[in-house]
């Protein structure tokens, strides 16, 4: 059965049955997501905390964006120093 056929059949269901079908699909998707994360495994998460280079880069990007958004800076032109 194709996805279009399934959708056609789902549209014929009453509201309660549509909600039930949705619940089953959401639970299946959630269980598939959980399978991607192994219990007790360690996953590296990067953070710019305590990273001065990342803080400088982010600060510069924010400053550049502010300068481009400034009413004094013509739209579409880079801010001074960014050419």
Protein backbone atom coordinates (compact mmCIF):
# COMPACT_ATOMS: atom_id res chain seq x y z
CA UNK A 1 0.00 0.00 0.00
CA UNK A 2 1.42 3.40 -0.94
CA UNK A 3 1.61 6.38 1.39
CA UNK A 4 -1.07 8.15 -0.67
CA UNK A 5 -3.41 5.17 -0.24
CA UNK A 6 -2.77 5.13 3.51
CA UNK A 7 -3.44 8.87 3.74
CA UNK A 8 -6.67 8.47 1.78
CA UNK A 9 -7.82 5.78 4.21
CA UNK A 10 -6.77 7.84 7.24
CA UNK A 11 -8.82 10.79 6.00
CA UNK A 12 -11.92 8.59 6.03
CA UNK A 13 -11.53 7.80 9.73
CA UNK A 14 -13.45 9.64 12.42
CA UNK A 15 -11.60 11.98 14.74
CA UNK A 16 -11.00 9.44 17.53
CA UNK A 17 -9.54 6.88 15.13
CA UNK A 18 -7.31 9.53 13.53
CA UNK A 19 -5.99 10.46 16.97
CA UNK A 20 -5.38 6.78 17.77
CA UNK A 21 -3.48 6.28 14.49
CA UNK A 22 -1.43 9.37 15.22
CA UNK A 23 -0.66 8.12 18.74
CA UNK A 24 0.54 4.76 17.43
CA UNK A 25 2.82 6.43 14.87
CA UNK A 26 4.24 8.90 17.37
CA UNK A 27 5.01 6.09 19.84
CA UNK A 28 6.72 4.08 17.10
CA UNK A 29 8.81 7.06 16.07
CA UNK A 30 9.74 7.75 19.69
CA UNK A 31 10.85 4.16 20.23
CA UNK A 32 12.99 4.35 17.06
CA UNK A 33 14.62 7.52 18.40
CA UNK A 34 15.37 5.86 21.72
CA UNK A 35 17.11 3.03 19.88
CA UNK A 36 19.61 5.59 18.58
CA UNK A 37 20.75 6.42 22.13
CA UNK A 38 22.30 3.57 24.02
CA UNK A 39 21.71 3.41 27.79
CA UNK A 40 24.89 4.10 29.74
CA UNK A 41 26.77 5.31 26.66
CA UNK A 42 28.72 8.55 26.79
CA UNK A 43 27.98 11.19 24.19
CA UNK A 44 30.26 14.16 23.66
CA UNK A 45 28.47 17.50 23.68
CA UNK A 46 30.44 20.53 22.58
CA UNK A 47 29.86 23.85 24.28
CA UNK A 48 31.52 27.22 23.76
CA UNK A 49 31.65 27.58 27.57
CA UNK A 50 35.18 28.35 28.66
CA UNK A 51 36.29 28.81 25.04
CA UNK A 52 37.57 32.36 24.51
CA UNK A 53 38.08 31.87 20.76
CA UNK A 54 34.46 30.78 20.31
CA UNK A 55 33.27 33.70 22.43
CA UNK A 56 35.27 36.17 20.30
CA UNK A 57 33.96 34.66 17.07
CA UNK A 58 30.36 34.78 18.29
CA UNK A 59 30.80 38.33 19.55
CA UNK A 60 32.23 39.42 16.20
CA UNK A 61 29.38 37.77 14.29
CA UNK A 62 26.80 39.49 16.49
CA UNK A 63 28.55 42.83 16.09
CA UNK A 64 28.67 42.42 12.30
CA UNK A 65 24.97 41.58 12.26
CA UNK A 66 24.15 44.65 14.39
CA UNK A 67 26.15 46.86 12.04
CA UNK A 68 24.37 45.46 8.98
CA UNK A 69 21.00 45.95 10.67
CA UNK A 70 21.83 49.50 11.72
CA UNK A 71 19.67 52.21 10.10
CA UNK A 72 22.90 54.10 9.32
CA UNK A 73 24.28 51.24 7.22
CA UNK A 74 22.79 51.01 3.69
CA UNK A 75 20.97 47.73 3.18
CA UNK A 76 22.85 45.09 1.28
CA UNK A 77 26.26 46.68 1.83
CA UNK A 78 28.72 45.13 4.27
CA UNK A 79 29.49 47.02 7.41
CA UNK A 80 32.77 48.93 7.49
CA UNK A 81 35.76 46.65 8.01
CA UNK A 82 33.95 43.62 6.55
CA UNK A 83 34.63 44.19 2.87
